[in-house]
Amino acid sequence: YYDPLHPVNMQNQPDIQLMQRNDVI
């Protein structure tokens, strides 16, 4: 759940995500 790319953190995000450019947490 600390993973920014885990499904619970991916609502309304693009289908392919880079960790470095993800700011959901």
PDBML (XML) file of the C-alpha atoms, coordinates in Angstrom:
<?xml version="1.0" encoding="UTF-8" ?>
<PDBx:datablock datablockName="MODEL"
   xmlns:PDBx="http://pdbml.pdb.org/schema/pdbx-v50.xsd"
   xmlns:xsi="http://www.w3.org/2001/XMLSchema-instance"
   xsi:schemaLocation="http://pdbml.pdb.org/schema/pdbx-v50.xsd pdbx-v50.xsd">
   <PDBx:atom_siteCategory>
      <PDBx:atom_site id="1">
         <PDBx:B_iso_or_equiv>0.00</PDBx:B_iso_or_equiv>
         <PDBx:Cartn_x>0.000</PDBx:Cartn_x>
         <PDBx:Cartn_y>0.000</PDBx:Cartn_y>
         <PDBx:Cartn_z>0.000</PDBx:Cartn_z>
         <PDBx:auth_asym_id>A</PDBx:auth_asym_id>
         <PDBx:auth_atom_id>CA</PDBx:auth_atom_id>
         <PDBx:auth_comp_id>TYR</PDBx:auth_comp_id>
         <PDBx:auth_seq_id>1</PDBx:auth_seq_id>
         <PDBx:group_PDB>ATOM</PDBx:group_PDB>
         <PDBx:label_alt_id xsi:nil="true" />
         <PDBx:label_asym_id>A</PDBx:label_asym_id>
         <PDBx:label_atom_id>CA</PDBx:label_atom_id>
         <PDBx:label_comp_id>TYR</PDBx:label_comp_id>
         <PDBx:label_entity_id>1</PDBx:label_entity_id>
         <PDBx:label_seq_id>1</PDBx:label_seq_id>
         <PDBx:occupancy>1.00</PDBx:occupancy>
         <PDBx:pdbx_PDB_model_num>1</PDBx:pdbx_PDB_model_num>
         <PDBx:type_symbol>C</PDBx:type_symbol>
      </PDBx:atom_site>
      <PDBx:atom_site id="2">
         <PDBx:B_iso_or_equiv>0.00</PDBx:B_iso_or_equiv>
         <PDBx:Cartn_x>3.067</PDBx:Cartn_x>
         <PDBx:Cartn_y>2.249</PDBx:Cartn_y>
         <PDBx:Cartn_z>-0.060</PDBx:Cartn_z>
         <PDBx:auth_asym_id>A</PDBx:auth_asym_id>
         <PDBx:auth_atom_id>CA</PDBx:auth_atom_id>
         <PDBx:auth_comp_id>TYR</PDBx:auth_comp_id>
         <PDBx:auth_seq_id>2</PDBx:auth_seq_id>
         <PDBx:group_PDB>ATOM</PDBx:group_PDB>
         <PDBx:label_alt_id xsi:nil="true" />
         <PDBx:label_asym_id>A</PDBx:label_asym_id>
         <PDBx:label_atom_id>CA</PDBx:label_atom_id>
         <PDBx:label_comp_id>TYR</PDBx:label_comp_id>
         <PDBx:label_entity_id>1</PDBx:label_entity_id>
         <PDBx:label_seq_id>2</PDBx:label_seq_id>
         <PDBx:occupancy>1.00</PDBx:occupancy>
         <PDBx:pdbx_PDB_model_num>1</PDBx:pdbx_PDB_model_num>
         <PDBx:type_symbol>C</PDBx:type_symbol>
      </PDBx:atom_site>
      <PDBx:atom_site id="3">
         <PDBx:B_iso_or_equiv>0.00</PDBx:B_iso_or_equiv>
         <PDBx:Cartn_x>3.436</PDBx:Cartn_x>
         <PDBx:Cartn_y>1.399</PDBx:Cartn_y>
         <PDBx:Cartn_z>-3.736</PDBx:Cartn_z>
         <PDBx:auth_asym_id>A</PDBx:auth_asym_id>
         <PDBx:auth_atom_id>CA</PDBx:auth_atom_id>
         <PDBx:auth_comp_id>ASP</PDBx:auth_comp_id>
         <PDBx:auth_seq_id>3</PDBx:auth_seq_id>
         <PDBx:group_PDB>ATOM</PDBx:group_PDB>
         <PDBx:label_alt_id xsi:nil="true" />
         <PDBx:label_asym_id>A</PDBx:label_asym_id>
         <PDBx:label_atom_id>CA</PDBx:label_atom_id>
         <PDBx:label_comp_id>ASP</PDBx:label_comp_id>
         <PDBx:label_entity_id>1</PDBx:label_entity_id>
         <PDBx:label_seq_id>3</PDBx:label_seq_id>
         <PDBx:occupancy>1.00</PDBx:occupancy>
         <PDBx:pdbx_PDB_model_num>1</PDBx:pdbx_PDB_model_num>
         <PDBx:type_symbol>C</PDBx:type_symbol>
      </PDBx:atom_site>
      <PDBx:atom_site id="4">
         <PDBx:B_iso_or_equiv>0.00</PDBx:B_iso_or_equiv>
         <PDBx:Cartn_x>2.174</PDBx:Cartn_x>
         <PDBx:Cartn_y>4.360</PDBx:Cartn_y>
         <PDBx:Cartn_z>-5.814</PDBx:Cartn_z>
         <PDBx:auth_asym_id>A</PDBx:auth_asym_id>
         <PDBx:auth_atom_id>CA</PDBx:auth_atom_id>
         <PDBx:auth_comp_id>PRO</PDBx:auth_comp_id>
         <PDBx:auth_seq_id>4</PDBx:auth_seq_id>
         <PDBx:group_PDB>ATOM</PDBx:group_PDB>
         <PDBx:label_alt_id xsi:nil="true" />
         <PDBx:label_asym_id>A</PDBx:label_asym_id>
         <PDBx:label_atom_id>CA</PDBx:label_atom_id>
         <PDBx:label_comp_id>PRO</PDBx:label_comp_id>
         <PDBx:label_entity_id>1</PDBx:label_entity_id>
         <PDBx:label_seq_id>4</PDBx:label_seq_id>
         <PDBx:occupancy>1.00</PDBx:occupancy>
         <PDBx:pdbx_PDB_model_num>1</PDBx:pdbx_PDB_model_num>
         <PDBx:type_symbol>C</PDBx:type_symbol>
      </PDBx:atom_site>
      <PDBx:atom_site id="5">
         <PDBx:B_iso_or_equiv>0.00</PDBx:B_iso_or_equiv>
         <PDBx:Cartn_x>1.352</PDBx:Cartn_x>
         <PDBx:Cartn_y>1.918</PDBx:Cartn_y>
         <PDBx:Cartn_z>-8.632</PDBx:Cartn_z>
         <PDBx:auth_asym_id>A</PDBx:auth_asym_id>
         <PDBx:auth_atom_id>CA</PDBx:auth_atom_id>
         <PDBx:auth_comp_id>LEU</PDBx:auth_comp_id>
         <PDBx:auth_seq_id>5</PDBx:auth_seq_id>
         <PDBx:group_PDB>ATOM</PDBx:group_PDB>
         <PDBx:label_alt_id xsi:nil="true" />
         <PDBx:label_asym_id>A</PDBx:label_asym_id>
         <PDBx:label_atom_id>CA</PDBx:label_atom_id>
         <PDBx:label_comp_id>LEU</PDBx:label_comp_id>
         <PDBx:label_entity_id>1</PDBx:label_entity_id>
         <PDBx:label_seq_id>5</PDBx:label_seq_id>
         <PDBx:occupancy>1.00</PDBx:occupancy>
         <PDBx:pdbx_PDB_model_num>1</PDBx:pdbx_PDB_model_num>
         <PDBx:type_symbol>C</PDBx:type_symbol>
      </PDBx:atom_site>
      <PDBx:atom_site id="6">
         <PDBx:B_iso_or_equiv>0.00</PDBx:B_iso_or_equiv>
         <PDBx:Cartn_x>-0.778</PDBx:Cartn_x>
         <PDBx:Cartn_y>-0.480</PDBx:Cartn_y>
         <PDBx:Cartn_z>-6.556</PDBx:Cartn_z>
         <PDBx:auth_asym_id>A</PDBx:auth_asym_id>
         <PDBx:auth_atom_id>CA</PDBx:auth_atom_id>
         <PDBx:auth_comp_id>HIS</PDBx:auth_comp_id>
         <PDBx:auth_seq_id>6</PDBx:auth_seq_id>
         <PDBx:group_PDB>ATOM</PDBx:group_PDB>
         <PDBx:label_alt_id xsi:nil="true" />
         <PDBx:label_asym_id>A</PDBx:label_asym_id>
         <PDBx:label_atom_id>CA</PDBx:label_atom_id>
         <PDBx:label_comp_id>HIS</PDBx:label_comp_id>
         <PDBx:label_entity_id>1</PDBx:label_entity_id>
         <PDBx:label_seq_id>6</PDBx:label_seq_id>
         <PDBx:occupancy>1.00</PDBx:occupancy>
         <PDBx:pdbx_PDB_model_num>1</PDBx:pdbx_PDB_model_num>
         <PDBx:type_symbol>C</PDBx:type_symbol>
      </PDBx:atom_site>
      <PDBx:atom_site id="7">
         <PDBx:B_iso_or_equiv>0.00</PDBx:B_iso_or_equiv>
         <PDBx:Cartn_x>-4.409</PDBx:Cartn_x>
         <PDBx:Cartn_y>-0.744</PDBx:Cartn_y>
         <PDBx:Cartn_z>-7.835</PDBx:Cartn_z>
         <PDBx:auth_asym_id>A</PDBx:auth_asym_id>
         <PDBx:auth_atom_id>CA</PDBx:auth_atom_id>
         <PDBx:auth_comp_id>PRO</PDBx:auth_comp_id>
         <PDBx:auth_seq_id>7</PDBx:auth_seq_id>
         <PDBx:group_PDB>ATOM</PDBx:group_PDB>
         <PDBx:label_alt_id xsi:nil="true" />
         <PDBx:label_asym_id>A</PDBx:label_asym_id>
         <PDBx:label_atom_id>CA</PDBx:label_atom_id>
         <PDBx:label_comp_id>PRO</PDBx:label_comp_id>
         <PDBx:label_entity_id>1</PDBx:label_entity_id>
         <PDBx:label_seq_id>7</PDBx:label_seq_id>
         <PDBx:occupancy>1.00</PDBx:occupancy>
         <PDBx:pdbx_PDB_model_num>1</PDBx:pdbx_PDB_model_num>
         <PDBx:type_symbol>C</PDBx:type_symbol>
      </PDBx:atom_site>
      <PDBx:atom_site id="8">
         <PDBx:B_iso_or_equiv>0.00</PDBx:B_iso_or_equiv>
         <PDBx:Cartn_x>-5.832</PDBx:Cartn_x>
         <PDBx:Cartn_y>1.121</PDBx:Cartn_y>
         <PDBx:Cartn_z>-4.812</PDBx:Cartn_z>
         <PDBx:auth_asym_id>A</PDBx:auth_asym_id>
         <PDBx:auth_atom_id>CA</PDBx:auth_atom_id>
         <PDBx:auth_comp_id>VAL</PDBx:auth_comp_id>
         <PDBx:auth_seq_id>8</PDBx:auth_seq_id>
         <PDBx:group_PDB>ATOM</PDBx:group_PDB>
         <PDBx:label_alt_id xsi:nil="true" />
         <PDBx:label_asym_id>A</PDBx:label_asym_id>
         <PDBx:label_atom_id>CA</PDBx:label_atom_id>
         <PDBx:label_comp_id>VAL</PDBx:label_comp_id>
         <PDBx:label_entity_id>1</PDBx:label_entity_id>
         <PDBx:label_seq_id>8</PDBx:label_seq_id>
         <PDBx:occupancy>1.00</PDBx:occupancy>
         <PDBx:pdbx_PDB_model_num>1</PDBx:pdbx_PDB_model_num>
         <PDBx:type_symbol>C</PDBx:type_symbol>
      </PDBx:atom_site>
      <PDBx:atom_site id="9">
         <PDBx:B_iso_or_equiv>0.00</PDBx:B_iso_or_equiv>
         <PDBx:Cartn_x>-3.750</PDBx:Cartn_x>
         <PDBx:Cartn_y>4.151</PDBx:Cartn_y>
         <PDBx:Cartn_z>-5.808</PDBx:Cartn_z>
         <PDBx:auth_asym_id>A</PDBx:auth_asym_id>
         <PDBx:auth_atom_id>CA</PDBx:auth_atom_id>
         <PDBx:auth_comp_id>ASN</PDBx:auth_comp_id>
         <PDBx:auth_seq_id>9</PDBx:auth_seq_id>
         <PDBx:group_PDB>ATOM</PDBx:group_PDB>
         <PDBx:label_alt_id xsi:nil="true" />
         <PDBx:label_asym_id>A</PDBx:label_asym_id>
         <PDBx:label_atom_id>CA</PDBx:label_atom_id>
         <PDBx:label_comp_id>ASN</PDBx:label_comp_id>
         <PDBx:label_entity_id>1</PDBx:label_entity_id>
         <PDBx:label_seq_id>9</PDBx:label_seq_id>
         <PDBx:occupancy>1.00</PDBx:occupancy>
         <PDBx:pdbx_PDB_model_num>1</PDBx:pdbx_PDB_model_num>
         <PDBx:type_symbol>C</PDBx:type_symbol>
      </PDBx:atom_site>
      <PDBx:atom_site id="10">
         <PDBx:B_iso_or_equiv>0.00</PDBx:B_iso_or_equiv>
         <PDBx:Cartn_x>-4.482</PDBx:Cartn_x>
         <PDBx:Cartn_y>4.003</PDBx:Cartn_y>
         <PDBx:Cartn_z>-9.518</PDBx:Cartn_z>
         <PDBx:auth_asym_id>A</PDBx:auth_asym_id>
         <PDBx:auth_atom_id>CA</PDBx:auth_atom_id>
         <PDBx:auth_comp_id>MET</PDBx:auth_comp_id>
         <PDBx:auth_seq_id>10</PDBx:auth_seq_id>
         <PDBx:group_PDB>ATOM</PDBx:group_PDB>
         <PDBx:label_alt_id xsi:nil="true" />
         <PDBx:label_asym_id>A</PDBx:label_asym_id>
         <PDBx:label_atom_id>CA</PDBx:label_atom_id>
         <PDBx:label_comp_id>MET</PDBx:label_comp_id>
         <PDBx:label_entity_id>1</PDBx:label_entity_id>
         <PDBx:label_seq_id>10</PDBx:label_seq_id>
         <PDBx:occupancy>1.00</PDBx:occupancy>
         <PDBx:pdbx_PDB_model_num>1</PDBx:pdbx_PDB_model_num>
         <PDBx:type_symbol>C</PDBx:type_symbol>
      </PDBx:atom_site>
      <PDBx:atom_site id="11">
         <PDBx:B_iso_or_equiv>0.00</PDBx:B_iso_or_equiv>
         <PDBx:Cartn_x>-7.994</PDBx:Cartn_x>
         <PDBx:Cartn_y>5.404</PDBx:Cartn_y>
         <PDBx:Cartn_z>-9.848</PDBx:Cartn_z>
         <PDBx:auth_asym_id>A</PDBx:auth_asym_id>
         <PDBx:auth_atom_id>CA</PDBx:auth_atom_id>
         <PDBx:auth_comp_id>GLN</PDBx:auth_comp_id>
         <PDBx:auth_seq_id>11</PDBx:auth_seq_id>
         <PDBx:group_PDB>ATOM</PDBx:group_PDB>
         <PDBx:label_alt_id xsi:nil="true" />
         <PDBx:label_asym_id>A</PDBx:label_asym_id>
         <PDBx:label_atom_id>CA</PDBx:label_atom_id>
         <PDBx:label_comp_id>GLN</PDBx:label_comp_id>
         <PDBx:label_entity_id>1</PDBx:label_entity_id>
         <PDBx:label_seq_id>11</PDBx:label_seq_id>
         <PDBx:occupancy>1.00</PDBx:occupancy>
         <PDBx:pdbx_PDB_model_num>1</PDBx:pdbx_PDB_model_num>
         <PDBx:type_symbol>C</PDBx:type_symbol>
      </PDBx:atom_site>
      <PDBx:atom_site id="12">
         <PDBx:B_iso_or_equiv>0.00</PDBx:B_iso_or_equiv>
         <PDBx:Cartn_x>-8.300</PDBx:Cartn_x>
         <PDBx:Cartn_y>7.792</PDBx:Cartn_y>
         <PDBx:Cartn_z>-12.798</PDBx:Cartn_z>
         <PDBx:auth_asym_id>A</PDBx:auth_asym_id>
         <PDBx:auth_atom_id>CA</PDBx:auth_atom_id>
         <PDBx:auth_comp_id>ASN</PDBx:auth_comp_id>
         <PDBx:auth_seq_id>12</PDBx:auth_seq_id>
         <PDBx:group_PDB>ATOM</PDBx:group_PDB>
         <PDBx:label_alt_id xsi:nil="true" />
         <PDBx:label_asym_id>A</PDBx:label_asym_id>
         <PDBx:label_atom_id>CA</PDBx:label_atom_id>
         <PDBx:label_comp_id>ASN</PDBx:label_comp_id>
         <PDBx:label_entity_id>1</PDBx:label_entity_id>
         <PDBx:label_seq_id>12</PDBx:label_seq_id>
         <PDBx:occupancy>1.00</PDBx:occupancy>
         <PDBx:pdbx_PDB_model_num>1</PDBx:pdbx_PDB_model_num>
         <PDBx:type_symbol>C</PDBx:type_symbol>
      </PDBx:atom_site>
      <PDBx:atom_site id="13">
         <PDBx:B_iso_or_equiv>0.00</PDBx:B_iso_or_equiv>
         <PDBx:Cartn_x>-4.675</PDBx:Cartn_x>
         <PDBx:Cartn_y>7.174</PDBx:Cartn_y>
         <PDBx:Cartn_z>-13.771</PDBx:Cartn_z>
         <PDBx:auth_asym_id>A</PDBx:auth_asym_id>
         <PDBx:auth_atom_id>CA</PDBx:auth_atom_id>
         <PDBx:auth_comp_id>GLN</PDBx:auth_comp_id>
         <PDBx:auth_seq_id>13</PDBx:auth_seq_id>
         <PDBx:group_PDB>ATOM</PDBx:group_PDB>
         <PDBx:label_alt_id xsi:nil="true" />
         <PDBx:label_asym_id>A</PDBx:label_asym_id>
         <PDBx:label_atom_id>CA</PDBx:label_atom_id>
         <PDBx:label_comp_id>GLN</PDBx:label_comp_id>
         <PDBx:label_entity_id>1</PDBx:label_entity_id>
         <PDBx:label_seq_id>13</PDBx:label_seq_id>
         <PDBx:occupancy>1.00</PDBx:occupancy>
         <PDBx:pdbx_PDB_model_num>1</PDBx:pdbx_PDB_model_num>
         <PDBx:type_symbol>C</PDBx:type_symbol>
      </PDBx:atom_site>
      <PDBx:atom_site id="14">
         <PDBx:B_iso_or_equiv>0.00</PDBx:B_iso_or_equiv>
         <PDBx:Cartn_x>-3.396</PDBx:Cartn_x>
         <PDBx:Cartn_y>6.149</PDBx:Cartn_y>
         <PDBx:Cartn_z>-17.238</PDBx:Cartn_z>
         <PDBx:auth_asym_id>A</PDBx:auth_asym_id>
         <PDBx:auth_atom_id>CA</PDBx:auth_atom_id>
         <PDBx:auth_comp_id>PRO</PDBx:auth_comp_id>
         <PDBx:auth_seq_id>14</PDBx:auth_seq_id>
         <PDBx:group_PDB>ATOM</PDBx:group_PDB>
         <PDBx:label_alt_id xsi:nil="true" />
         <PDBx:label_asym_id>A</PDBx:label_asym_id>
         <PDBx:label_atom_id>CA</PDBx:label_atom_id>
         <PDBx:label_comp_id>PRO</PDBx:label_comp_id>
         <PDBx:label_entity_id>1</PDBx:label_entity_id>
         <PDBx:label_seq_id>14</PDBx:label_seq_id>
         <PDBx:occupancy>1.00</PDBx:occupancy>
         <PDBx:pdbx_PDB_model_num>1</PDBx:pdbx_PDB_model_num>
         <PDBx:type_symbol>C</PDBx:type_symbol>
      </PDBx:atom_site>
      <PDBx:atom_site id="15">
         <PDBx:B_iso_or_equiv>0.00</PDBx:B_iso_or_equiv>
         <PDBx:Cartn_x>-3.187</PDBx:Cartn_x>
         <PDBx:Cartn_y>2.401</PDBx:Cartn_y>
         <PDBx:Cartn_z>-17.937</PDBx:Cartn_z>
         <PDBx:auth_asym_id>A</PDBx:auth_asym_id>
         <PDBx:auth_atom_id>CA</PDBx:auth_atom_id>
         <PDBx:auth_comp_id>ASP</PDBx:auth_comp_id>
         <PDBx:auth_seq_id>15</PDBx:auth_seq_id>
         <PDBx:group_PDB>ATOM</PDBx:group_PDB>
         <PDBx:label_alt_id xsi:nil="true" />
         <PDBx:label_asym_id>A</PDBx:label_asym_id>
         <PDBx:label_atom_id>CA</PDBx:label_atom_id>
         <PDBx:label_comp_id>ASP</PDBx:label_comp_id>
         <PDBx:label_entity_id>1</PDBx:label_entity_id>
         <PDBx:label_seq_id>15</PDBx:label_seq_id>
         <PDBx:occupancy>1.00</PDBx:occupancy>
         <PDBx:pdbx_PDB_model_num>1</PDBx:pdbx_PDB_model_num>
         <PDBx:type_symbol>C</PDBx:type_symbol>
      </PDBx:atom_site>
      <PDBx:atom_site id="16">
         <PDBx:B_iso_or_equiv>0.00</PDBx:B_iso_or_equiv>
         <PDBx:Cartn_x>0.625</PDBx:Cartn_x>
         <PDBx:Cartn_y>2.514</PDBx:Cartn_y>
         <PDBx:Cartn_z>-18.055</PDBx:Cartn_z>
         <PDBx:auth_asym_id>A</PDBx:auth_asym_id>
         <PDBx:auth_atom_id>CA</PDBx:auth_atom_id>
         <PDBx:auth_comp_id>ILE</PDBx:auth_comp_id>
         <PDBx:auth_seq_id>16</PDBx:auth_seq_id>
         <PDBx:group_PDB>ATOM</PDBx:group_PDB>
         <PDBx:label_alt_id xsi:nil="true" />
         <PDBx:label_asym_id>A</PDBx:label_asym_id>
         <PDBx:label_atom_id>CA</PDBx:label_atom_id>
         <PDBx:label_comp_id>ILE</PDBx:label_comp_id>
         <PDBx:label_entity_id>1</PDBx:label_entity_id>
         <PDBx:label_seq_id>16</PDBx:label_seq_id>
         <PDBx:occupancy>1.00</PDBx:occupancy>
         <PDBx:pdbx_PDB_model_num>1</PDBx:pdbx_PDB_model_num>
         <PDBx:type_symbol>C</PDBx:type_symbol>
      </PDBx:atom_site>
      <PDBx:atom_site id="17">
         <PDBx:B_iso_or_equiv>0.00</PDBx:B_iso_or_equiv>
         <PDBx:Cartn_x>2.382</PDBx:Cartn_x>
         <PDBx:Cartn_y>4.293</PDBx:Cartn_y>
         <PDBx:Cartn_z>-15.216</PDBx:Cartn_z>
         <PDBx:auth_asym_id>A</PDBx:auth_asym_id>
         <PDBx:auth_atom_id>CA</PDBx:auth_atom_id>
         <PDBx:auth_comp_id>GLN</PDBx:auth_comp_id>
         <PDBx:auth_seq_id>17</PDBx:auth_seq_id>
         <PDBx:group_PDB>ATOM</PDBx:group_PDB>
         <PDBx:label_alt_id xsi:nil="true" />
         <PDBx:label_asym_id>A</PDBx:label_asym_id>
         <PDBx:label_atom_id>CA</PDBx:label_atom_id>
         <PDBx:label_comp_id>GLN</PDBx:label_comp_id>
         <PDBx:label_entity_id>1</PDBx:label_entity_id>
         <PDBx:label_seq_id>17</PDBx:label_seq_id>
         <PDBx:occupancy>1.00</PDBx:occupancy>
         <PDBx:pdbx_PDB_model_num>1</PDBx:pdbx_PDB_model_num>
         <PDBx:type_symbol>C</PDBx:type_symbol>
      </PDBx:atom_site>
      <PDBx:atom_site id="18">
         <PDBx:B_iso_or_equiv>0.00</PDBx:B_iso_or_equiv>
         <PDBx:Cartn_x>5.987</PDBx:Cartn_x>
         <PDBx:Cartn_y>5.191</PDBx:Cartn_y>
         <PDBx:Cartn_z>-14.398</PDBx:Cartn_z>
         <PDBx:auth_asym_id>A</PDBx:auth_asym_id>
         <PDBx:auth_atom_id>CA</PDBx:auth_atom_id>
         <PDBx:auth_comp_id>LEU</PDBx:auth_comp_id>
         <PDBx:auth_seq_id>18</PDBx:auth_seq_id>
         <PDBx:group_PDB>ATOM</PDBx:group_PDB>
         <PDBx:label_alt_id xsi:nil="true" />
         <PDBx:label_asym_id>A</PDBx:label_asym_id>
         <PDBx:label_atom_id>CA</PDBx:label_atom_id>
         <PDBx:label_comp_id>LEU</PDBx:label_comp_id>
         <PDBx:label_entity_id>1</PDBx:label_entity_id>
         <PDBx:label_seq_id>18</PDBx:label_seq_id>
         <PDBx:occupancy>1.00</PDBx:occupancy>
         <PDBx:pdbx_PDB_model_num>1</PDBx:pdbx_PDB_model_num>
         <PDBx:type_symbol>C</PDBx:type_symbol>
      </PDBx:atom_site>
      <PDBx:atom_site id="19">
         <PDBx:B_iso_or_equiv>0.00</PDBx:B_iso_or_equiv>
         <PDBx:Cartn_x>6.756</PDBx:Cartn_x>
         <PDBx:Cartn_y>5.365</PDBx:Cartn_y>
         <PDBx:Cartn_z>-10.690</PDBx:Cartn_z>
         <PDBx:auth_asym_id>A</PDBx:auth_asym_id>
         <PDBx:auth_atom_id>CA</PDBx:auth_atom_id>
         <PDBx:auth_comp_id>MET</PDBx:auth_comp_id>
         <PDBx:auth_seq_id>19</PDBx:auth_seq_id>
         <PDBx:group_PDB>ATOM</PDBx:group_PDB>
         <PDBx:label_alt_id xsi:nil="true" />
         <PDBx:label_asym_id>A</PDBx:label_asym_id>
         <PDBx:label_atom_id>CA</PDBx:label_atom_id>
         <PDBx:label_comp_id>MET</PDBx:label_comp_id>
         <PDBx:label_entity_id>1</PDBx:label_entity_id>
         <PDBx:label_seq_id>19</PDBx:label_seq_id>
         <PDBx:occupancy>1.00</PDBx:occupancy>
         <PDBx:pdbx_PDB_model_num>1</PDBx:pdbx_PDB_model_num>
         <PDBx:type_symbol>C</PDBx:type_symbol>
      </PDBx:atom_site>
      <PDBx:atom_site id="20">
         <PDBx:B_iso_or_equiv>0.00</PDBx:B_iso_or_equiv>
         <PDBx:Cartn_x>8.986</PDBx:Cartn_x>
         <PDBx:Cartn_y>8.416</PDBx:Cartn_y>
         <PDBx:Cartn_z>-11.019</PDBx:Cartn_z>
         <PDBx:auth_asym_id>A</PDBx:auth_asym_id>
         <PDBx:auth_atom_id>CA</PDBx:auth_atom_id>
         <PDBx:auth_comp_id>GLN</PDBx:auth_comp_id>
         <PDBx:auth_seq_id>20</PDBx:auth_seq_id>
         <PDBx:group_PDB>ATOM</PDBx:group_PDB>
         <PDBx:label_alt_id xsi:nil="true" />
         <PDBx:label_asym_id>A</PDBx:label_asym_id>
         <PDBx:label_atom_id>CA</PDBx:label_atom_id>
         <PDBx:label_comp_id>GLN</PDBx:label_comp_id>
         <PDBx:label_entity_id>1</PDBx:label_entity_id>
         <PDBx:label_seq_id>20</PDBx:label_seq_id>
         <PDBx:occupancy>1.00</PDBx:occupancy>
         <PDBx:pdbx_PDB_model_num>1</PDBx:pdbx_PDB_model_num>
         <PDBx:type_symbol>C</PDBx:type_symbol>
      </PDBx:atom_site>
      <PDBx:atom_site id="21">
         <PDBx:B_iso_or_equiv>0.00</PDBx:B_iso_or_equiv>
         <PDBx:Cartn_x>6.162</PDBx:Cartn_x>
         <PDBx:Cartn_y>10.434</PDBx:Cartn_y>
         <PDBx:Cartn_z>-12.626</PDBx:Cartn_z>
         <PDBx:auth_asym_id>A</PDBx:auth_asym_id>
         <PDBx:auth_atom_id>CA</PDBx:auth_atom_id>
         <PDBx:auth_comp_id>ARG</PDBx:auth_comp_id>
         <PDBx:auth_seq_id>21</PDBx:auth_seq_id>
         <PDBx:group_PDB>ATOM</PDBx:group_PDB>
         <PDBx:label_alt_id xsi:nil="true" />
         <PDBx:label_asym_id>A</PDBx:label_asym_id>
         <PDBx:label_atom_id>CA</PDBx:label_atom_id>
         <PDBx:label_comp_id>ARG</PDBx:label_comp_id>
         <PDBx:label_entity_id>1</PDBx:label_entity_id>
         <PDBx:label_seq_id>21</PDBx:label_seq_id>
         <PDBx:occupancy>1.00</PDBx:occupancy>
         <PDBx:pdbx_PDB_model_num>1</PDBx:pdbx_PDB_model_num>
         <PDBx:type_symbol>C</PDBx:type_symbol>
      </PDBx:atom_site>
      <PDBx:atom_site id="22">
         <PDBx:B_iso_or_equiv>0.00</PDBx:B_iso_or_equiv>
         <PDBx:Cartn_x>3.366</PDBx:Cartn_x>
         <PDBx:Cartn_y>9.266</PDBx:Cartn_y>
         <PDBx:Cartn_z>-10.358</PDBx:Cartn_z>
         <PDBx:auth_asym_id>A</PDBx:auth_asym_id>
         <PDBx:auth_atom_id>CA</PDBx:auth_atom_id>
         <PDBx:auth_comp_id>ASN</PDBx:auth_comp_id>
         <PDBx:auth_seq_id>22</PDBx:auth_seq_id>
         <PDBx:group_PDB>ATOM</PDBx:group_PDB>
         <PDBx:label_alt_id xsi:nil="true" />
         <PDBx:label_asym_id>A</PDBx:label_asym_id>
         <PDBx:label_atom_id>CA</PDBx:label_atom_id>
         <PDBx:label_comp_id>ASN</PDBx:label_comp_id>
         <PDBx:label_entity_id>1</PDBx:label_entity_id>
         <PDBx:label_seq_id>22</PDBx:label_seq_id>
         <PDBx:occupancy>1.00</PDBx:occupancy>
         <PDBx:pdbx_PDB_model_num>1</PDBx:pdbx_PDB_model_num>
         <PDBx:type_symbol>C</PDBx:type_symbol>
      </PDBx:atom_site>
      <PDBx:atom_site id="23">
         <PDBx:B_iso_or_equiv>0.00</PDBx:B_iso_or_equiv>
         <PDBx:Cartn_x>2.278</PDBx:Cartn_x>
         <PDBx:Cartn_y>11.556</PDBx:Cartn_y>
         <PDBx:Cartn_z>-7.512</PDBx:Cartn_z>
         <PDBx:auth_asym_id>A</PDBx:auth_asym_id>
         <PDBx:auth_atom_id>CA</PDBx:auth_atom_id>
         <PDBx:auth_comp_id>ASP</PDBx:auth_comp_id>
         <PDBx:auth_seq_id>23</PDBx:auth_seq_id>
         <PDBx:group_PDB>ATOM</PDBx:group_PDB>
         <PDBx:label_alt_id xsi:nil="true" />
         <PDBx:label_asym_id>A</PDBx:label_asym_id>
         <PDBx:label_atom_id>CA</PDBx:label_atom_id>
         <PDBx:label_comp_id>ASP</PDBx:label_comp_id>
         <PDBx:label_entity_id>1</PDBx:label_entity_id>
         <PDBx:label_seq_id>23</PDBx:label_seq_id>
         <PDBx:occupancy>1.00</PDBx:occupancy>
         <PDBx:pdbx_PDB_model_num>1</PDBx:pdbx_PDB_model_num>
         <PDBx:type_symbol>C</PDBx:type_symbol>
      </PDBx:atom_site>
      <PDBx:atom_site id="24">
         <PDBx:B_iso_or_equiv>0.00</PDBx:B_iso_or_equiv>
         <PDBx:Cartn_x>-0.863</PDBx:Cartn_x>
         <PDBx:Cartn_y>9.821</PDBx:Cartn_y>
         <PDBx:Cartn_z>-6.216</PDBx:Cartn_z>
         <PDBx:auth_asym_id>A</PDBx:auth_asym_id>
         <PDBx:auth_atom_id>CA</PDBx:auth_atom_id>
         <PDBx:auth_comp_id>VAL</PDBx:auth_comp_id>
         <PDBx:auth_seq_id>24</PDBx:auth_seq_id>
         <PDBx:group_PDB>ATOM</PDBx:group_PDB>
         <PDBx:label_alt_id xsi:nil="true" />
         <PDBx:label_asym_id>A</PDBx:label_asym_id>
         <PDBx:label_atom_id>CA</PDBx:label_atom_id>
         <PDBx:label_comp_id>VAL</PDBx:label_comp_id>
         <PDBx:label_entity_id>1</PDBx:label_entity_id>
         <PDBx:label_seq_id>24</PDBx:label_seq_id>
         <PDBx:occupancy>1.00</PDBx:occupancy>
         <PDBx:pdbx_PDB_model_num>1</PDBx:pdbx_PDB_model_num>
         <PDBx:type_symbol>C</PDBx:type_symbol>
      </PDBx:atom_site>
      <PDBx:atom_site id="25">
         <PDBx:B_iso_or_equiv>0.00</PDBx:B_iso_or_equiv>
         <PDBx:Cartn_x>0.652</PDBx:Cartn_x>
         <PDBx:Cartn_y>9.222</PDBx:Cartn_y>
         <PDBx:Cartn_z>-2.761</PDBx:Cartn_z>
         <PDBx:auth_asym_id>A</PDBx:auth_asym_id>
         <PDBx:auth_atom_id>CA</PDBx:auth_atom_id>
         <PDBx:auth_comp_id>ILE</PDBx:auth_comp_id>
         <PDBx:auth_seq_id>25</PDBx:auth_seq_id>
         <PDBx:group_PDB>ATOM</PDBx:group_PDB>
         <PDBx:label_alt_id xsi:nil="true" />
         <PDBx:label_asym_id>A</PDBx:label_asym_id>
         <PDBx:label_atom_id>CA</PDBx:label_atom_id>
         <PDBx:label_comp_id>ILE</PDBx:label_comp_id>
         <PDBx:label_entity_id>1</PDBx:label_entity_id>
         <PDBx:label_seq_id>25</PDBx:label_seq_id>
         <PDBx:occupancy>1.00</PDBx:occupancy>
         <PDBx:pdbx_PDB_model_num>1</PDBx:pdbx_PDB_model_num>
         <PDBx:type_symbol>C</PDBx:type_symbol>
      </PDBx:atom_site>
   </PDBx:atom_siteCategory>
</PDBx:datablock>
